[in-house]
C-alpha atoms as a PDB file:
ATOM      1  CA  UNK A   1      15.466 -36.612  64.636  1.00  0.00           C
ATOM      2  CA  UNK A   2      16.522 -34.945  67.855  1.00  0.00           C
ATOM      3  CA  UNK A   3      15.497 -31.326  68.535  1.00  0.00           C
ATOM      4  CA  UNK A   4      18.327 -28.828  68.156  1.00  0.00           C
ATOM      5  CA  UNK A   5      19.410 -27.463  71.513  1.00  0.00           C
ATOM      6  CA  UNK A   6      21.483 -24.333  72.023  1.00  0.00           C
ATOM      7  CA  UNK A   7      23.529 -23.695  75.076  1.00  0.00           C
ATOM      8  CA  UNK A   8      22.362 -20.596  76.931  1.00  0.00           C
ATOM      9  CA  UNK A   9      25.777 -18.993  76.610  1.00  0.00           C
ATOM     10  CA  UNK A  10      25.423 -19.026  72.822  1.00  0.00           C
ATOM     11  CA  UNK A  11      22.055 -17.251  72.661  1.00  0.00           C
ATOM     12  CA  UNK A  12      23.296 -13.659  73.210  1.00  0.00           C
ATOM     13  CA  UNK A  13      25.900 -14.079  70.460  1.00  0.00           C
ATOM     14  CA  UNK A  14      23.303 -15.584  68.128  1.00  0.00           C
ATOM     15  CA  UNK A  15      20.870 -12.729  68.704  1.00  0.00           C
ATOM     16  CA  UNK A  16      23.664 -10.201  68.173  1.00  0.00           C
ATOM     17  CA  UNK A  17      24.646 -11.812  64.860  1.00  0.00           C
ATOM     18  CA  UNK A  18      21.029 -11.884  63.637  1.00  0.00           C
ATOM     19  CA  UNK A  19      20.565  -8.241  64.620  1.00  0.00           C
ATOM     20  CA  UNK A  20      23.803  -7.273  62.858  1.00  0.00           C
ATOM     21  CA  UNK A  21      22.785  -9.126  59.684  1.00  0.00           C
ATOM     22  CA  UNK A  22      19.412  -7.363  59.714  1.00  0.00           C
ATOM     23  CA  UNK A  23      21.022  -3.939  60.141  1.00  0.00           C
ATOM     24  CA  UNK A  24      23.603  -4.642  57.435  1.00  0.00           C
ATOM     25  CA  UNK A  25      20.857  -5.664  55.020  1.00  0.00           C
ATOM     26  CA  UNK A  26      18.882  -2.553  55.865  1.00  0.00           C
ATOM     27  CA  UNK A  27      21.912  -0.336  55.302  1.00  0.00           C
ATOM     28  CA  UNK A  28      22.681  -2.040  51.980  1.00  0.00           C
ATOM     29  CA  UNK A  29      19.071  -1.667  50.845  1.00  0.00           C
ATOM     30  CA  UNK A  30      19.128   2.027  51.719  1.00  0.00           C
ATOM     31  CA  UNK A  31      22.449   2.482  49.927  1.00  0.00           C
ATOM     32  CA  UNK A  32      21.207   0.754  46.769  1.00  0.00           C
ATOM     33  CA  UNK A  33      18.006   2.780  46.776  1.00  0.00           C
ATOM     34  CA  UNK A  34      19.968   6.015  47.015  1.00  0.00           C
ATOM     35  CA  UNK A  35      22.340   4.942  44.254  1.00  0.00           C
ATOM     36  CA  UNK A  36      19.449   4.053  41.967  1.00  0.00           C
ATOM     37  CA  UNK A  37      17.972   7.549  41.911  1.00  0.00           C
ATOM     38  CA  UNK A  38      18.896   9.193  38.592  1.00  0.00           C
ATOM     39  CA  UNK A  39      20.157  12.766  38.650  1.00  0.00           C
ATOM     40  CA  UNK A  40      17.430  13.824  36.211  1.00  0.00           C
ATOM     41  CA  UNK A  41      14.248  12.369  34.838  1.00  0.00           C
ATOM     42  CA  UNK A  42      13.745  11.338  31.260  1.00  0.00           C
ATOM     43  CA  UNK A  43      12.272  14.381  29.535  1.00  0.00           C
ATOM     44  CA  UNK A  44       9.829  13.798  26.696  1.00  0.00           C
ATOM     45  CA  UNK A  45       9.012  17.374  25.682  1.00  0.00           C
ATOM     46  CA  UNK A  46      10.962  16.907  22.454  1.00  0.00           C
ATOM     47  CA  UNK A  47       8.937  13.790  21.641  1.00  0.00           C
ATOM     48  CA  UNK A  48       5.683  15.731  21.846  1.00  0.00           C
ATOM     49  CA  UNK A  49       7.199  18.619  19.899  1.00  0.00           C
ATOM     50  CA  UNK A  50       8.539  16.357  17.147  1.00  0.00           C
ATOM     51  CA  UNK A  51       5.326  14.354  16.751  1.00  0.00           C
ATOM     52  CA  UNK A  52       3.123  17.442  16.732  1.00  0.00           C
ATOM     53  CA  UNK A  53       5.470  19.191  14.311  1.00  0.00           C
ATOM     54  CA  UNK A  54       6.021  16.249  11.954  1.00  0.00           C
ATOM     55  CA  UNK A  55       2.534  14.753  11.858  1.00  0.00           C
ATOM     56  CA  UNK A  56      -0.372  16.804  10.559  1.00  0.00           C
ATOM     57  CA  UNK A  57      -3.840  16.229   9.140  1.00  0.00           C
ATOM     58  CA  UNK A  58      -4.722  12.678   8.202  1.00  0.00           C
ATOM     59  CA  UNK A  59      -1.275  11.357   9.230  1.00  0.00           C
ATOM     60  CA  UNK A  60      -1.855  12.576  12.783  1.00  0.00           C
ATOM     61  CA  UNK A  61      -5.238  10.842  12.738  1.00  0.00           C
ATOM     62  CA  UNK A  62      -3.476   7.662  11.583  1.00  0.00           C
ATOM     63  CA  UNK A  63      -0.983   8.026  14.417  1.00  0.00           C
ATOM     64  CA  UNK A  64      -3.726   8.475  17.013  1.00  0.00           C
ATOM     65  CA  UNK A  65      -5.585   5.445  15.695  1.00  0.00           C
ATOM     66  CA  UNK A  66      -2.512   3.202  15.806  1.00  0.00           C
ATOM     67  CA  UNK A  67      -1.510   4.559  19.234  1.00  0.00           C
ATOM     68  CA  UNK A  68      -4.934   3.553  20.559  1.00  0.00           C
ATOM     69  CA  UNK A  69      -4.745   0.142  18.883  1.00  0.00           C
ATOM     70  CA  UNK A  70      -1.383  -0.766  20.421  1.00  0.00           C
ATOM     71  CA  UNK A  71      -2.076   0.774  23.823  1.00  0.00           C
ATOM     72  CA  UNK A  72      -2.929  -2.591  25.386  1.00  0.00           C
ATOM     73  CA  UNK A  73       0.463  -3.919  24.273  1.00  0.00           C
ATOM     74  CA  UNK A  74       2.155  -1.416  26.566  1.00  0.00           C
ATOM     75  CA  UNK A  75      -0.048  -0.672  29.550  1.00  0.00           C
ATOM     76  CA  UNK A  76      -1.033  -2.881  32.443  1.00  0.00           C
ATOM     77  CA  UNK A  77      -2.909  -6.108  31.833  1.00  0.00           C
ATOM     78  CA  UNK A  78      -5.263  -7.302  34.546  1.00  0.00           C
ATOM     79  CA  UNK A  79      -3.500 -10.630  34.956  1.00  0.00           C
ATOM     80  CA  UNK A  80       0.006  -9.136  35.029  1.00  0.00           C
ATOM     81  CA  UNK A  81       1.739  -8.605  38.352  1.00  0.00           C
ATOM     82  CA  UNK A  82       3.972  -5.843  37.023  1.00  0.00           C
ATOM     83  CA  UNK A  83       4.158  -4.050  33.699  1.00  0.00           C
ATOM     84  CA  UNK A  84       7.297  -5.181  31.844  1.00  0.00           C
ATOM     85  CA  UNK A  85       8.089  -1.705  30.515  1.00  0.00           C
ATOM     86  CA  UNK A  86       7.959  -0.170  33.980  1.00  0.00           C
ATOM     87  CA  UNK A  87      10.253  -2.984  35.090  1.00  0.00           C
ATOM     88  CA  UNK A  88      12.579  -2.188  32.189  1.00  0.00           C
ATOM     89  CA  UNK A  89      12.697   1.448  33.268  1.00  0.00           C
ATOM     90  CA  UNK A  90      13.567   0.450  36.835  1.00  0.00           C
ATOM     91  CA  UNK A  91      16.373  -1.821  35.633  1.00  0.00           C
ATOM     92  CA  UNK A  92      17.826   0.950  33.487  1.00  0.00           C
ATOM     93  CA  UNK A  93      17.888   3.575  36.255  1.00  0.00           C
ATOM     94  CA  UNK A  94      21.501   2.888  37.363  1.00  0.00           C
ATOM     95  CA  UNK A  95      22.639   3.533  33.780  1.00  0.00           C
ATOM     96  CA  UNK A  96      20.486   6.533  32.863  1.00  0.00           C
ATOM     97  CA  UNK A  97      22.971   9.182  33.953  1.00  0.00           C
ATOM     98  CA  UNK A  98      25.620   7.653  31.690  1.00  0.00           C
ATOM     99  CA  UNK A  99      23.203   7.119  28.820  1.00  0.00           C
ATOM    100  CA  UNK A 100      21.488  10.486  28.499  1.00  0.00           C
ATOM    101  CA  UNK A 101      23.064  12.989  26.097  1.00  0.00           C
ATOM    102  CA  UNK A 102      22.202  16.516  25.106  1.00  0.00           C
ATOM    103  CA  UNK A 103      22.538  15.728  21.386  1.00  0.00           C
ATOM    104  CA  UNK A 104      20.084  12.795  21.524  1.00  0.00           C
ATOM    105  CA  UNK A 105      16.352  13.280  22.270  1.00  0.00           C
ATOM    106  CA  UNK A 106      15.410  11.454  25.470  1.00  0.00           C
ATOM    107  CA  UNK A 107      12.653   9.428  23.810  1.00  0.00           C
ATOM    108  CA  UNK A 108      15.346   7.576  21.831  1.00  0.00           C
ATOM    109  CA  UNK A 109      16.330   5.843  25.079  1.00  0.00           C
ATOM    110  CA  UNK A 110      12.912   4.180  25.174  1.00  0.00           C
ATOM    111  CA  UNK A 111      13.994   1.964  22.262  1.00  0.00           C
ATOM    112  CA  UNK A 112      15.730  -0.704  24.421  1.00  0.00           C
ATOM    113  CA  UNK A 113      12.643  -0.848  26.649  1.00  0.00           C
ATOM    114  CA  UNK A 114      10.577  -1.779  23.602  1.00  0.00           C
ATOM    115  CA  UNK A 115      13.222  -3.926  21.923  1.00  0.00           C
ATOM    116  CA  UNK A 116      14.442  -6.064  24.835  1.00  0.00           C
ATOM    117  CA  UNK A 117      12.694  -4.942  28.011  1.00  0.00           C
ATOM    118  CA  UNK A 118      16.208  -3.809  29.065  1.00  0.00           C
ATOM    119  CA  UNK A 119      17.515  -7.380  29.149  1.00  0.00           C
ATOM    120  CA  UNK A 120      21.143  -8.104  28.324  1.00  0.00           C
ATOM    121  CA  UNK A 121      20.690 -11.411  26.513  1.00  0.00           C
ATOM    122  CA  UNK A 122      17.316 -10.968  24.858  1.00  0.00           C
ATOM    123  CA  UNK A 123      17.053 -12.490  21.384  1.00  0.00           C
ATOM    124  CA  UNK A 124      19.313 -14.762  19.383  1.00  0.00           C
ATOM    125  CA  UNK A 125      23.065 -14.245  19.049  1.00  0.00           C
ATOM    126  CA  UNK A 126      22.921 -14.885  15.283  1.00  0.00           C
ATOM    127  CA  UNK A 127      20.148 -12.344  14.868  1.00  0.00           C
ATOM    128  CA  UNK A 128      18.810  -9.405  16.906  1.00  0.00           C
ATOM    129  CA  UNK A 129      20.454  -9.619  20.309  1.00  0.00           C
ATOM    130  CA  UNK A 130      21.042  -7.694  23.514  1.00  0.00           C
ATOM    131  CA  UNK A 131      19.684  -4.492  24.998  1.00  0.00           C
ATOM    132  CA  UNK A 132      19.148  -2.687  21.688  1.00  0.00           C
ATOM    133  CA  UNK A 133      18.603  -5.833  19.587  1.00  0.00           C
ATOM    134  CA  UNK A 134      21.499  -5.085  17.257  1.00  0.00           C
ATOM    135  CA  UNK A 135      22.659  -7.563  14.635  1.00  0.00           C
ATOM    136  CA  UNK A 136      26.330  -8.542  14.534  1.00  0.00           C
ATOM    137  CA  UNK A 137      26.872  -7.016  11.073  1.00  0.00           C
ATOM    138  CA  UNK A 138      25.912  -3.575  12.388  1.00  0.00           C
ATOM    139  CA  UNK A 139      28.267  -3.905  15.358  1.00  0.00           C
ATOM    140  CA  UNK A 140      31.099  -5.086  13.093  1.00  0.00           C
ATOM    141  CA  UNK A 141      30.633  -2.008  10.912  1.00  0.00           C
ATOM    142  CA  UNK A 142      30.408   0.438  13.843  1.00  0.00           C
ATOM    143  CA  UNK A 143      33.588  -0.989  15.395  1.00  0.00           C
ATOM    144  CA  UNK A 144      35.510   0.218  12.333  1.00  0.00           C
ATOM    145  CA  UNK A 145      34.414   3.847  12.761  1.00  0.00           C
ATOM    146  CA  UNK A 146      36.639   6.539  14.249  1.00  0.00           C
ATOM    147  CA  UNK A 147      33.951   7.684  16.702  1.00  0.00           C
ATOM    148  CA  UNK A 148      33.811   4.248  18.341  1.00  0.00           C
ATOM    149  CA  UNK A 149      35.655   4.075  21.663  1.00  0.00           C
ATOM    150  CA  UNK A 150      38.605   1.733  22.139  1.00  0.00           C
ATOM    151  CA  UNK A 151      36.485  -0.416  24.451  1.00  0.00           C
ATOM    152  CA  UNK A 152      33.819  -0.738  21.764  1.00  0.00           C
ATOM    153  CA  UNK A 153      36.362  -1.503  19.038  1.00  0.00           C
ATOM    154  CA  UNK A 154      38.101  -4.218  21.048  1.00  0.00           C
ATOM    155  CA  UNK A 155      35.072  -6.059  22.465  1.00  0.00           C
ATOM    156  CA  UNK A 156      33.512  -9.123  20.875  1.00  0.00           C
ATOM    157  CA  UNK A 157      30.236  -8.221  19.094  1.00  0.00           C
ATOM    158  CA  UNK A 158      28.247 -10.464  21.453  1.00  0.00           C
ATOM    159  CA  UNK A 159      29.811  -8.742  24.458  1.00  0.00           C
ATOM    160  CA  UNK A 160      29.017  -5.343  22.932  1.00  0.00           C
ATOM    161  CA  UNK A 161      25.358  -6.179  22.455  1.00  0.00           C
ATOM    162  CA  UNK A 162      24.920  -7.582  25.971  1.00  0.00           C
ATOM    163  CA  UNK A 163      26.757  -4.758  27.747  1.00  0.00           C
ATOM    164  CA  UNK A 164      24.583  -1.757  28.732  1.00  0.00           C
ATOM    165  CA  UNK A 165      27.270   0.844  28.066  1.00  0.00           C
ATOM    166  CA  UNK A 166      28.811  -0.591  24.896  1.00  0.00           C
ATOM    167  CA  UNK A 167      25.492  -1.520  23.314  1.00  0.00           C
ATOM    168  CA  UNK A 168      24.146   1.963  23.998  1.00  0.00           C
ATOM    169  CA  UNK A 169      27.263   3.550  22.507  1.00  0.00           C
ATOM    170  CA  UNK A 170      26.935   1.390  19.386  1.00  0.00           C
ATOM    171  CA  UNK A 171      23.196   2.033  19.050  1.00  0.00           C
ATOM    172  CA  UNK A 172      23.600   5.800  19.365  1.00  0.00           C
ATOM    173  CA  UNK A 173      26.346   5.852  16.729  1.00  0.00           C
ATOM    174  CA  UNK A 174      23.994   3.864  14.492  1.00  0.00           C
ATOM    175  CA  UNK A 175      21.104   6.273  15.120  1.00  0.00           C
ATOM    176  CA  UNK A 176      23.280   9.344  14.638  1.00  0.00           C
ATOM    177  CA  UNK A 177      24.336   8.021  11.229  1.00  0.00           C
ATOM    178  CA  UNK A 178      20.681   7.670  10.290  1.00  0.00           C
ATOM    179  CA  UNK A 179      20.020  11.189  11.552  1.00  0.00           C
ATOM    180  CA  UNK A 180      22.943  12.588   9.574  1.00  0.00           C
ATOM    181  CA  UNK A 181      21.578  11.049   6.399  1.00  0.00           C
ATOM    182  CA  UNK A 182      17.952  12.133   6.840  1.00  0.00           C
ATOM    183  CA  UNK A 183      18.814  15.624   8.095  1.00  0.00           C
ATOM    184  CA  UNK A 184      21.956  16.595   6.187  1.00  0.00           C
ATOM    185  CA  UNK A 185      21.740  14.486   3.022  1.00  0.00           C
ATOM    186  CA  UNK A 186      18.002  14.053   2.446  1.00  0.00           C
ATOM    187  CA  UNK A 187      17.401  17.548   3.905  1.00  0.00           C
ATOM    188  CA  UNK A 188      14.504  16.724   6.216  1.00  0.00           C
ATOM    189  CA  UNK A 189      14.046  19.074   9.165  1.00  0.00           C
ATOM    190  CA  UNK A 190      15.086  18.019  12.674  1.00  0.00           C
ATOM    191  CA  UNK A 191      11.719  16.595  13.747  1.00  0.00           C
ATOM    192  CA  UNK A 192      11.235  14.614  10.545  1.00  0.00           C
ATOM    193  CA  UNK A 193      14.846  13.412  10.579  1.00  0.00           C
ATOM    194  CA  UNK A 194      14.626  12.005  14.110  1.00  0.00           C
ATOM    195  CA  UNK A 195      11.309  10.244  13.479  1.00  0.00           C
ATOM    196  CA  UNK A 196      12.710   8.778  10.255  1.00  0.00           C
ATOM    197  CA  UNK A 197      15.842   7.691  12.156  1.00  0.00           C
ATOM    198  CA  UNK A 198      13.903   5.929  14.899  1.00  0.00           C
ATOM    199  CA  UNK A 199      11.680   4.207  12.319  1.00  0.00           C
ATOM    200  CA  UNK A 200      14.797   3.177  10.370  1.00  0.00           C
ATOM    201  CA  UNK A 201      16.284   1.645  13.524  1.00  0.00           C
ATOM    202  CA  UNK A 202      13.457  -0.861  13.399  1.00  0.00           C
ATOM    203  CA  UNK A 203      12.581  -1.158   9.710  1.00  0.00           C
ATOM    204  CA  UNK A 204      15.917  -0.315   8.127  1.00  0.00           C
ATOM    205  CA  UNK A 205      16.909   2.747   6.122  1.00  0.00           C
ATOM    206  CA  UNK A 206      16.687   0.732   2.897  1.00  0.00           C
ATOM    207  CA  UNK A 207      12.961   0.093   3.316  1.00  0.00           C
ATOM    208  CA  UNK A 208      12.326   3.768   4.030  1.00  0.00           C
ATOM    209  CA  UNK A 209      14.386   4.924   1.031  1.00  0.00           C
ATOM    210  CA  UNK A 210      12.520   2.515  -1.262  1.00  0.00           C
ATOM    211  CA  UNK A 211       9.161   3.759  -0.037  1.00  0.00           C
ATOM    212  CA  UNK A 212      10.223   7.395  -0.449  1.00  0.00           C
ATOM    213  CA  UNK A 213      11.402   6.584  -3.981  1.00  0.00           C
ATOM    214  CA  UNK A 214       8.078   4.927  -4.727  1.00  0.00           C
ATOM    215  CA  UNK A 215       6.241   8.005  -3.452  1.00  0.00           C
ATOM    216  CA  UNK A 216       8.336  10.261  -5.693  1.00  0.00           C
ATOM    217  CA  UNK A 217       7.675   8.079  -8.715  1.00  0.00           C
ATOM    218  CA  UNK A 218       3.946   8.404  -8.193  1.00  0.00           C
ATOM    219  CA  UNK A 219       4.284  12.199  -8.588  1.00  0.00           C
ATOM    220  CA  UNK A 220       1.677  12.966  -5.939  1.00  0.00           C
ATOM    221  CA  UNK A 221       4.003  14.900  -3.652  1.00  0.00           C
ATOM    222  CA  UNK A 222       5.818  18.164  -4.292  1.00  0.00           C
ATOM    223  CA  UNK A 223       7.979  17.857  -1.187  1.00  0.00           C
ATOM    224  CA  UNK A 224       7.681  14.678   0.848  1.00  0.00           C
ATOM    225  CA  UNK A 225       7.528  15.028   4.632  1.00  0.00           C
ATOM    226  CA  UNK A 226       7.456  12.465   7.423  1.00  0.00           C
ATOM    227  CA  UNK A 227       3.729  13.138   7.667  1.00  0.00           C
ATOM    228  CA  UNK A 228       3.315  12.127   4.003  1.00  0.00           C
ATOM    229  CA  UNK A 229       5.469   9.076   4.555  1.00  0.00           C
ATOM    230  CA  UNK A 230       3.574   7.941   7.660  1.00  0.00           C
ATOM    231  CA  UNK A 231       0.182   8.182   5.943  1.00  0.00           C
ATOM    232  CA  UNK A 232       1.585   6.326   2.909  1.00  0.00           C
ATOM    233  CA  UNK A 233       2.958   3.637   5.253  1.00  0.00           C
ATOM    234  CA  UNK A 234      -0.435   3.442   6.972  1.00  0.00           C
ATOM    235  CA  UNK A 235      -2.271   2.909   3.685  1.00  0.00           C
ATOM    236  CA  UNK A 236       0.345   0.427   2.446  1.00  0.00           C
ATOM    237  CA  UNK A 237      -0.032  -1.569   5.638  1.00  0.00           C
ATOM    238  CA  UNK A 238      -3.808  -1.621   5.152  1.00  0.00           C
ATOM    239  CA  UNK A 239      -3.347  -2.954   1.606  1.00  0.00           C
ATOM    240  CA  UNK A 240      -0.828  -5.596   2.713  1.00  0.00           C
ATOM    241  CA  UNK A 241      -2.055  -6.856   6.119  1.00  0.00           C
ATOM    242  CA  UNK A 242       0.204  -9.934   5.961  1.00  0.00           C
ATOM    243  CA  UNK A 243       3.344  -7.797   5.713  1.00  0.00           C
ATOM    244  CA  UNK A 244       4.412  -8.053   9.344  1.00  0.00           C
ATOM    245  CA  UNK A 245       7.549  -5.905   9.097  1.00  0.00           C
ATOM    246  CA  UNK A 246       5.573  -3.031   7.577  1.00  0.00           C
ATOM    247  CA  UNK A 247       2.993  -3.234  10.353  1.00  0.00           C
ATOM    248  CA  UNK A 248       5.707  -3.253  13.037  1.00  0.00           C
ATOM    249  CA  UNK A 249       7.269  -0.157  11.435  1.00  0.00           C
ATOM    250  CA  UNK A 250       3.873   1.573  11.491  1.00  0.00           C
ATOM    251  CA  UNK A 251       3.417   0.730  15.177  1.00  0.00           C
ATOM    252  CA  UNK A 252       6.975   1.531  16.278  1.00  0.00           C
ATOM    253  CA  UNK A 253       6.655   5.210  17.201  1.00  0.00           C
ATOM    254  CA  UNK A 254       3.115   4.768  18.629  1.00  0.00           C
ATOM    255  CA  UNK A 255       4.523   2.031  20.876  1.00  0.00           C
ATOM    256  CA  UNK A 256       7.319   4.363  22.024  1.00  0.00           C
ATOM    257  CA  UNK A 257       4.711   7.075  22.649  1.00  0.00           C
ATOM    258  CA  UNK A 258       2.739   4.770  24.932  1.00  0.00           C
ATOM    259  CA  UNK A 259       5.899   3.698  26.761  1.00  0.00           C
ATOM    260  CA  UNK A 260       6.797   7.371  27.242  1.00  0.00           C
ATOM    261  CA  UNK A 261       3.417   7.945  28.890  1.00  0.00           C
ATOM    262  CA  UNK A 262       3.960   4.940  31.124  1.00  0.00           C
ATOM    263  CA  UNK A 263       7.482   5.943  32.153  1.00  0.00           C
ATOM    264  CA  UNK A 264       6.428   9.541  32.700  1.00  0.00           C
ATOM    265  CA  UNK A 265       3.729   8.355  35.103  1.00  0.00           C
ATOM    266  CA  UNK A 266       6.269   6.167  36.937  1.00  0.00           C
ATOM    267  CA  UNK A 267       8.708   9.076  37.246  1.00  0.00           C
ATOM    268  CA  UNK A 268       6.045  11.392  38.612  1.00  0.00           C
ATOM    269  CA  UNK A 269       5.143   8.776  41.211  1.00  0.00           C
ATOM    270  CA  UNK A 270       8.607   7.636  42.318  1.00  0.00           C
ATOM    271  CA  UNK A 271      10.845  10.647  41.581  1.00  0.00           C
ATOM    272  CA  UNK A 272       8.646  13.753  41.854  1.00  0.00           C
ATOM    273  CA  UNK A 273      11.651  15.846  42.857  1.00  0.00           C
ATOM    274  CA  UNK A 274      13.221  15.179  39.431  1.00  0.00           C
ATOM    275  CA  UNK A 275      10.097  15.441  37.312  1.00  0.00           C
ATOM    276  CA  UNK A 276       8.760  18.899  38.157  1.00  0.00           C
ATOM    277  CA  UNK A 277       9.288  20.319  34.660  1.00  0.00           C
ATOM    278  CA  UNK A 278       8.332  17.242  32.632  1.00  0.00           C
ATOM    279  CA  UNK A 279       5.355  18.340  30.532  1.00  0.00           C
ATOM    280  CA  UNK A 280       2.567  15.859  29.863  1.00  0.00           C
ATOM    281  CA  UNK A 281       2.592  14.367  26.384  1.00  0.00           C
ATOM    282  CA  UNK A 282      -0.381  15.508  24.307  1.00  0.00           C
ATOM    283  CA  UNK A 283      -1.286  15.586  20.637  1.00  0.00           C
ATOM    284  CA  UNK A 284      -2.474  18.723  18.878  1.00  0.00           C
ATOM    285  CA  UNK A 285      -5.685  17.126  17.648  1.00  0.00           C
ATOM    286  CA  UNK A 286      -6.625  15.652  21.016  1.00  0.00           C
ATOM    287  CA  UNK A 287      -6.891  17.196  24.455  1.00  0.00           C
ATOM    288  CA  UNK A 288      -4.781  14.444  25.914  1.00  0.00           C
ATOM    289  CA  UNK A 289      -3.624  10.871  25.448  1.00  0.00           C
ATOM    290  CA  UNK A 290      -5.130   8.940  28.308  1.00  0.00           C
ATOM    291  CA  UNK A 291      -2.909   7.591  31.054  1.00  0.00           C
ATOM    292  CA  UNK A 292      -4.370   4.650  32.981  1.00  0.00           C
END
């Protein structure tokens, strides 16, 4: 092999090209960083309000216990280079401004962090798939609804689930239908209705309705609340430790709570100008939920 030799007349042009490439990369990096700053931070005040309003007494103790148990699933592990939920939050930043809505509590948008890590093609196409881990049957049904956009109606279900905008639109329609049922049909208050809706997103409304029916048949409750339901779910999970879906349902909101703490910490660190009014999440029975 012969050493590469450059004619002296070519060196100035080469240096100029390298310098230009460096400056262009620097400008692009700066531009992308500026574009990736959301106009507002995710606000979790409603999450704290809903949990503290809906969960009382022994149910709140159950919630605290499960939150502590699943904490290591969410926060940093010593061997991990980067927490996957913080990474999910970073990946979602360009879409946050389009996602956030005044009629949807912000903590709802933590669901795709938990479900897919904000990955487009997470899961199996024939099962739970995409950002929000929707099944095709749900997308097929939502595409027939009047509130679905033309883009959502016309897209293939696989494309819907792997597209950040379309999958979010479909998921929010799905969640709003749950909320309508629990709030306006079953007559639960707003806090209970949203916590039921988020739990139903994971466990299914049918499972929740069957458990509520079972609670009514036992005649131990005058008026069932989400707090009653959560404690009943906790005890049922203890009695049936091999029932994985029931355990996942029990852990679902505690997992979202821990992710909210993690994201809130990230926002305070990276976007302090947006996060000045974001109140720390705390539970009524405890002085604070620890943040590592």
